[in-house]
Amino acid sequence: MISVQLPDGSKRQFEGPVTVAEVAASIGAGLAKAALAGRVGQGADAKVVDTSFRIEQDAALAIITDKDADGLEVIRHSTAHLLAYAVKELFPEAQVTIGPVIENGFFYDFSYKRP
């Protein structure tokens, strides 16, 4: 059995490995739909993971939605990757360099030789 402890202190038991999305769904359909990511662990050891992340041992888990402080950062990070993908589709010879999330959004630098 795997025990997942939620931020309110309650625990959910699962027969085997479970994804963040499956934990969210076990709590409610609304949370499952709103889930953007999960925070596994506590304190300095906590890490933000995708909803497809498999929890394979007892763990603390917080489901991240757009209402959480980390939610906006997750959205910005994902959007930055989507931008890079779109640019590479449109301009295959473009080189993706750096694209961090910043305080007020995100940016991506590309290297592209103009004809």
N, C-alpha and C. Protein backbone atom coordinates (compact mmCIF):
# COMPACT_ATOMS: atom_id res chain seq x y z
N MET A 1 0.84 -1.19 0.00
CA MET A 1 0.00 0.00 0.00
C MET A 1 0.88 1.25 0.00
N ILE A 2 0.46 2.22 -0.77
CA ILE A 2 1.14 3.51 -0.80
C ILE A 2 0.23 4.53 -0.13
N SER A 3 0.81 5.29 0.80
CA SER A 3 0.08 6.31 1.53
C SER A 3 0.49 7.68 1.01
N VAL A 4 -0.50 8.47 0.61
CA VAL A 4 -0.25 9.82 0.12
C VAL A 4 -0.88 10.79 1.11
N GLN A 5 -0.03 11.63 1.71
CA GLN A 5 -0.51 12.61 2.68
C GLN A 5 -0.76 13.93 1.98
N LEU A 6 -1.96 14.47 2.18
CA LEU A 6 -2.36 15.73 1.56
C LEU A 6 -2.07 16.90 2.50
N PRO A 7 -2.08 18.13 1.99
CA PRO A 7 -1.73 19.29 2.82
C PRO A 7 -2.59 19.46 4.07
N ASP A 8 -3.84 19.00 4.04
CA ASP A 8 -4.70 19.13 5.22
C ASP A 8 -4.42 18.06 6.27
N GLY A 9 -3.43 17.19 6.00
CA GLY A 9 -3.07 16.14 6.95
C GLY A 9 -3.76 14.82 6.69
N SER A 10 -4.79 14.81 5.86
CA SER A 10 -5.48 13.55 5.56
C SER A 10 -4.58 12.68 4.69
N LYS A 11 -4.86 11.38 4.71
CA LYS A 11 -4.07 10.42 3.93
C LYS A 11 -4.99 9.61 3.04
N ARG A 12 -4.48 9.31 1.85
CA ARG A 12 -5.17 8.44 0.91
C ARG A 12 -4.30 7.22 0.69
N GLN A 13 -4.92 6.06 0.65
CA GLN A 13 -4.20 4.80 0.46
C GLN A 13 -4.46 4.27 -0.96
N PHE A 14 -3.40 3.77 -1.59
CA PHE A 14 -3.50 3.22 -2.93
C PHE A 14 -2.81 1.87 -2.96
N GLU A 15 -3.35 0.95 -3.76
CA GLU A 15 -2.82 -0.41 -3.84
C GLU A 15 -1.41 -0.47 -4.39
N GLY A 16 -1.09 0.42 -5.31
CA GLY A 16 0.23 0.41 -5.94
C GLY A 16 0.57 1.80 -6.42
N PRO A 17 1.59 1.90 -7.28
CA PRO A 17 1.98 3.22 -7.78
C PRO A 17 0.78 3.98 -8.34
N VAL A 18 0.78 5.28 -8.13
CA VAL A 18 -0.35 6.13 -8.51
C VAL A 18 0.20 7.45 -9.05
N THR A 19 -0.46 7.99 -10.06
CA THR A 19 -0.02 9.28 -10.61
C THR A 19 -0.65 10.43 -9.83
N VAL A 20 -0.06 11.60 -9.98
CA VAL A 20 -0.63 12.80 -9.37
C VAL A 20 -2.06 13.00 -9.88
N ALA A 21 -2.28 12.78 -11.17
CA ALA A 21 -3.62 12.93 -11.75
C ALA A 21 -4.61 11.95 -11.11
N GLU A 22 -4.18 10.73 -10.85
CA GLU A 22 -5.07 9.74 -10.23
C GLU A 22 -5.40 10.12 -8.80
N VAL A 23 -4.44 10.68 -8.08
CA VAL A 23 -4.72 11.14 -6.71
C VAL A 23 -5.74 12.27 -6.77
N ALA A 24 -5.53 13.23 -7.68
CA ALA A 24 -6.48 14.34 -7.82
C ALA A 24 -7.88 13.82 -8.14
N ALA A 25 -7.98 12.85 -9.04
CA ALA A 25 -9.27 12.28 -9.42
C ALA A 25 -9.93 11.57 -8.24
N SER A 26 -9.12 10.96 -7.38
CA SER A 26 -9.69 10.27 -6.21
C SER A 26 -10.28 11.26 -5.21
N ILE A 27 -9.84 12.50 -5.28
CA ILE A 27 -10.37 13.54 -4.40
C ILE A 27 -11.65 14.13 -4.99
N GLY A 28 -11.65 14.34 -6.30
CA GLY A 28 -12.84 14.88 -6.95
C GLY A 28 -12.60 15.21 -8.41
N ALA A 29 -13.67 15.14 -9.20
CA ALA A 29 -13.56 15.39 -10.64
C ALA A 29 -13.13 16.83 -10.92
N GLY A 30 -13.61 17.77 -10.12
CA GLY A 30 -13.24 19.17 -10.32
C GLY A 30 -11.75 19.40 -10.11
N LEU A 31 -11.19 18.78 -9.08
CA LEU A 31 -9.76 18.91 -8.82
C LEU A 31 -8.96 18.22 -9.92
N ALA A 32 -9.43 17.08 -10.37
CA ALA A 32 -8.74 16.37 -11.44
C ALA A 32 -8.66 17.23 -12.70
N LYS A 33 -9.73 17.94 -13.00
CA LYS A 33 -9.76 18.80 -14.18
C LYS A 33 -8.87 20.03 -13.99
N ALA A 34 -8.81 20.56 -12.78
CA ALA A 34 -8.05 21.79 -12.50
C ALA A 34 -6.56 21.54 -12.26
N ALA A 35 -6.17 20.30 -12.02
CA ALA A 35 -4.78 20.00 -11.67
C ALA A 35 -3.83 20.35 -12.81
N LEU A 36 -2.81 21.14 -12.48
CA LEU A 36 -1.76 21.50 -13.44
C LEU A 36 -0.49 20.70 -13.19
N ALA A 37 -0.24 20.38 -11.92
CA ALA A 37 0.99 19.71 -11.51
C ALA A 37 0.81 19.24 -10.07
N GLY A 38 1.86 18.71 -9.50
CA GLY A 38 1.85 18.31 -8.10
C GLY A 38 3.16 18.72 -7.45
N ARG A 39 3.11 18.90 -6.14
CA ARG A 39 4.33 19.15 -5.37
C ARG A 39 4.51 17.94 -4.46
N VAL A 40 5.54 17.15 -4.74
CA VAL A 40 5.80 15.93 -3.99
C VAL A 40 6.90 16.20 -2.97
N GLY A 41 6.67 15.79 -1.73
CA GLY A 41 7.63 16.02 -0.66
C GLY A 41 7.27 17.28 0.11
N GLN A 42 8.11 17.57 1.10
CA GLN A 42 7.85 18.73 1.95
C GLN A 42 9.12 19.53 2.14
N GLY A 43 8.95 20.81 2.40
CA GLY A 43 10.10 21.67 2.70
C GLY A 43 11.07 21.77 1.54
N ALA A 44 12.36 21.79 1.88
CA ALA A 44 13.42 21.96 0.88
C ALA A 44 13.49 20.78 -0.09
N ASP A 45 12.98 19.62 0.32
CA ASP A 45 13.03 18.43 -0.53
C ASP A 45 11.87 18.33 -1.52
N ALA A 46 10.90 19.24 -1.42
CA ALA A 46 9.72 19.18 -2.29
C ALA A 46 10.11 19.52 -3.72
N LYS A 47 9.46 18.84 -4.67
CA LYS A 47 9.71 19.16 -6.08
C LYS A 47 8.38 19.20 -6.83
N VAL A 48 8.31 20.11 -7.79
CA VAL A 48 7.12 20.24 -8.63
C VAL A 48 7.24 19.23 -9.76
N VAL A 49 6.17 18.46 -9.96
CA VAL A 49 6.18 17.39 -10.97
C VAL A 49 4.92 17.49 -11.83
N ASP A 50 4.98 16.88 -12.99
CA ASP A 50 3.86 16.81 -13.91
C ASP A 50 2.76 15.93 -13.32
N THR A 51 1.53 16.09 -13.82
CA THR A 51 0.43 15.26 -13.31
C THR A 51 0.57 13.79 -13.67
N SER A 52 1.44 13.47 -14.63
CA SER A 52 1.66 12.07 -14.98
C SER A 52 2.75 11.42 -14.12
N PHE A 53 3.34 12.18 -13.20
CA PHE A 53 4.38 11.64 -12.32
C PHE A 53 3.81 10.52 -11.47
N ARG A 54 4.54 9.39 -11.41
CA ARG A 54 4.10 8.23 -10.64
C ARG A 54 4.71 8.26 -9.24
N ILE A 55 3.85 8.20 -8.26
CA ILE A 55 4.28 8.12 -6.86
C ILE A 55 4.40 6.64 -6.54
N GLU A 56 5.60 6.21 -6.20
CA GLU A 56 5.86 4.78 -6.01
C GLU A 56 6.12 4.39 -4.56
N GLN A 57 6.14 5.38 -3.68
CA GLN A 57 6.31 5.11 -2.25
C GLN A 57 5.55 6.18 -1.46
N ASP A 58 5.40 5.97 -0.16
CA ASP A 58 4.69 6.94 0.67
C ASP A 58 5.26 8.33 0.43
N ALA A 59 4.36 9.31 0.31
CA ALA A 59 4.82 10.67 0.01
C ALA A 59 3.78 11.70 0.44
N ALA A 60 4.26 12.91 0.64
CA ALA A 60 3.38 14.06 0.83
C ALA A 60 3.12 14.64 -0.56
N LEU A 61 1.88 15.06 -0.82
CA LEU A 61 1.52 15.58 -2.14
C LEU A 61 0.57 16.75 -2.00
N ALA A 62 0.87 17.82 -2.72
CA ALA A 62 -0.06 18.94 -2.88
C ALA A 62 -0.39 19.03 -4.37
N ILE A 63 -1.66 19.10 -4.69
CA ILE A 63 -2.09 19.26 -6.08
C ILE A 63 -2.02 20.75 -6.40
N ILE A 64 -1.34 21.10 -7.48
CA ILE A 64 -1.19 22.50 -7.87
C ILE A 64 -2.23 22.84 -8.94
N THR A 65 -2.99 23.92 -8.69
CA THR A 65 -3.96 24.43 -9.67
C THR A 65 -3.59 25.88 -9.99
N ASP A 66 -4.37 26.50 -10.85
CA ASP A 66 -4.08 27.90 -11.19
C ASP A 66 -4.32 28.85 -10.02
N LYS A 67 -4.90 28.36 -8.95
CA LYS A 67 -5.13 29.19 -7.77
C LYS A 67 -3.93 29.19 -6.81
N ASP A 68 -2.95 28.33 -7.06
CA ASP A 68 -1.77 28.23 -6.21
C ASP A 68 -0.65 29.12 -6.73
N ALA A 69 0.23 29.53 -5.83
CA ALA A 69 1.37 30.38 -6.21
C ALA A 69 2.22 29.71 -7.29
N ASP A 70 2.44 28.41 -7.17
CA ASP A 70 3.24 27.69 -8.16
C ASP A 70 2.49 27.49 -9.48
N GLY A 71 1.19 27.65 -9.47
CA GLY A 71 0.40 27.41 -10.67
C GLY A 71 0.77 28.32 -11.83
N LEU A 72 0.95 29.61 -11.55
CA LEU A 72 1.30 30.55 -12.60
C LEU A 72 2.68 30.22 -13.17
N GLU A 73 3.61 29.83 -12.32
CA GLU A 73 4.94 29.47 -12.81
C GLU A 73 4.87 28.22 -13.70
N VAL A 74 4.05 27.26 -13.33
CA VAL A 74 3.88 26.06 -14.15
C VAL A 74 3.29 26.43 -15.52
N ILE A 75 2.28 27.30 -15.52
CA ILE A 75 1.67 27.72 -16.79
C ILE A 75 2.69 28.45 -17.65
N ARG A 76 3.45 29.35 -17.06
CA ARG A 76 4.46 30.09 -17.82
C ARG A 76 5.54 29.16 -18.37
N HIS A 77 5.97 28.22 -17.56
CA HIS A 77 7.01 27.28 -18.00
C HIS A 77 6.50 26.45 -19.18
N SER A 78 5.30 25.94 -19.06
CA SER A 78 4.72 25.13 -20.14
C SER A 78 4.52 25.95 -21.41
N THR A 79 4.07 27.19 -21.25
CA THR A 79 3.85 28.06 -22.39
C THR A 79 5.17 28.40 -23.09
N ALA A 80 6.23 28.58 -22.32
CA ALA A 80 7.54 28.84 -22.91
C ALA A 80 7.98 27.66 -23.78
N HIS A 81 7.77 26.45 -23.30
CA HIS A 81 8.11 25.27 -24.10
C HIS A 81 7.24 25.18 -25.35
N LEU A 82 5.98 25.52 -25.23
CA LEU A 82 5.09 25.52 -26.39
C LEU A 82 5.55 26.54 -27.43
N LEU A 83 5.98 27.72 -26.98
CA LEU A 83 6.51 28.73 -27.89
C LEU A 83 7.73 28.19 -28.63
N ALA A 84 8.66 27.58 -27.91
CA ALA A 84 9.87 27.04 -28.54
C ALA A 84 9.51 25.97 -29.57
N TYR A 85 8.55 25.13 -29.24
CA TYR A 85 8.12 24.09 -30.18
C TYR A 85 7.53 24.71 -31.44
N ALA A 86 6.68 25.72 -31.27
CA ALA A 86 6.05 26.37 -32.41
C ALA A 86 7.08 27.04 -33.31
N VAL A 87 8.05 27.72 -32.72
CA VAL A 87 9.10 28.36 -33.51
C VAL A 87 9.89 27.32 -34.30
N LYS A 88 10.22 26.20 -33.66
CA LYS A 88 10.97 25.14 -34.36
C LYS A 88 10.14 24.53 -35.50
N GLU A 89 8.83 24.44 -35.33
CA GLU A 89 7.98 23.93 -36.40
C GLU A 89 7.96 24.90 -37.58
N LEU A 90 7.90 26.19 -37.30
CA LEU A 90 7.84 27.20 -38.35
C LEU A 90 9.20 27.48 -38.97
N PHE A 91 10.24 27.43 -38.15
CA PHE A 91 11.60 27.75 -38.59
C PHE A 91 12.55 26.65 -38.10
N PRO A 92 12.58 25.51 -38.79
CA PRO A 92 13.37 24.37 -38.32
C PRO A 92 14.85 24.67 -38.10
N GLU A 93 15.39 25.63 -38.84
CA GLU A 93 16.81 25.94 -38.68
C GLU A 93 17.09 26.87 -37.49
N ALA A 94 16.07 27.39 -36.87
CA ALA A 94 16.26 28.25 -35.69
C ALA A 94 16.82 27.42 -34.54
N GLN A 95 17.72 28.03 -33.80
CA GLN A 95 18.29 27.37 -32.63
C GLN A 95 17.65 27.94 -31.37
N VAL A 96 17.12 27.08 -30.55
CA VAL A 96 16.54 27.48 -29.28
C VAL A 96 17.70 27.65 -28.31
N THR A 97 17.78 28.80 -27.65
CA THR A 97 18.90 29.01 -26.73
C THR A 97 18.45 28.94 -25.28
N ILE A 98 17.79 29.97 -24.78
CA ILE A 98 17.38 29.96 -23.38
C ILE A 98 15.97 30.52 -23.28
N GLY A 99 15.20 30.01 -22.32
CA GLY A 99 13.83 30.47 -22.17
C GLY A 99 13.30 30.33 -20.77
N PRO A 100 13.77 31.15 -19.86
CA PRO A 100 13.33 31.01 -18.47
C PRO A 100 12.01 31.72 -18.16
N VAL A 101 11.40 31.29 -17.08
CA VAL A 101 10.27 32.00 -16.50
C VAL A 101 10.86 33.15 -15.70
N ILE A 102 10.27 34.33 -15.84
CA ILE A 102 10.72 35.49 -15.08
C ILE A 102 9.56 36.03 -14.25
N GLU A 103 9.81 37.07 -13.48
CA GLU A 103 8.80 37.57 -12.55
C GLU A 103 7.47 37.92 -13.21
N ASN A 104 7.52 38.53 -14.38
CA ASN A 104 6.29 38.99 -15.03
C ASN A 104 5.93 38.20 -16.28
N GLY A 105 6.44 37.01 -16.44
CA GLY A 105 6.12 36.21 -17.61
C GLY A 105 7.23 35.23 -17.94
N PHE A 106 7.63 35.22 -19.20
CA PHE A 106 8.71 34.34 -19.65
C PHE A 106 9.26 34.92 -20.94
N PHE A 107 10.40 34.44 -21.36
CA PHE A 107 10.93 34.81 -22.67
C PHE A 107 11.74 33.65 -23.21
N TYR A 108 11.99 33.70 -24.50
CA TYR A 108 12.85 32.72 -25.15
C TYR A 108 13.76 33.46 -26.10
N ASP A 109 15.02 33.10 -26.11
CA ASP A 109 15.97 33.62 -27.09
C ASP A 109 16.17 32.55 -28.15
N PHE A 110 16.18 33.00 -29.39
CA PHE A 110 16.42 32.10 -30.52
C PHE A 110 17.56 32.66 -31.35
N SER A 111 18.32 31.79 -31.94
CA SER A 111 19.36 32.18 -32.88
C SER A 111 18.87 31.76 -34.26
N TYR A 112 18.81 32.73 -35.17
CA TYR A 112 18.26 32.45 -36.49
C TYR A 112 18.98 33.29 -37.52
N LYS A 113 19.50 32.65 -38.53
CA LYS A 113 20.20 33.35 -39.60
C LYS A 113 19.16 33.77 -40.64
N ARG A 114 19.07 35.07 -40.87
CA ARG A 114 18.11 35.57 -41.87
C ARG A 114 18.69 35.42 -43.27
N PRO A 115 17.83 35.12 -44.23
CA PRO A 115 18.32 34.95 -45.62
C PRO A 115 18.81 36.27 -46.21
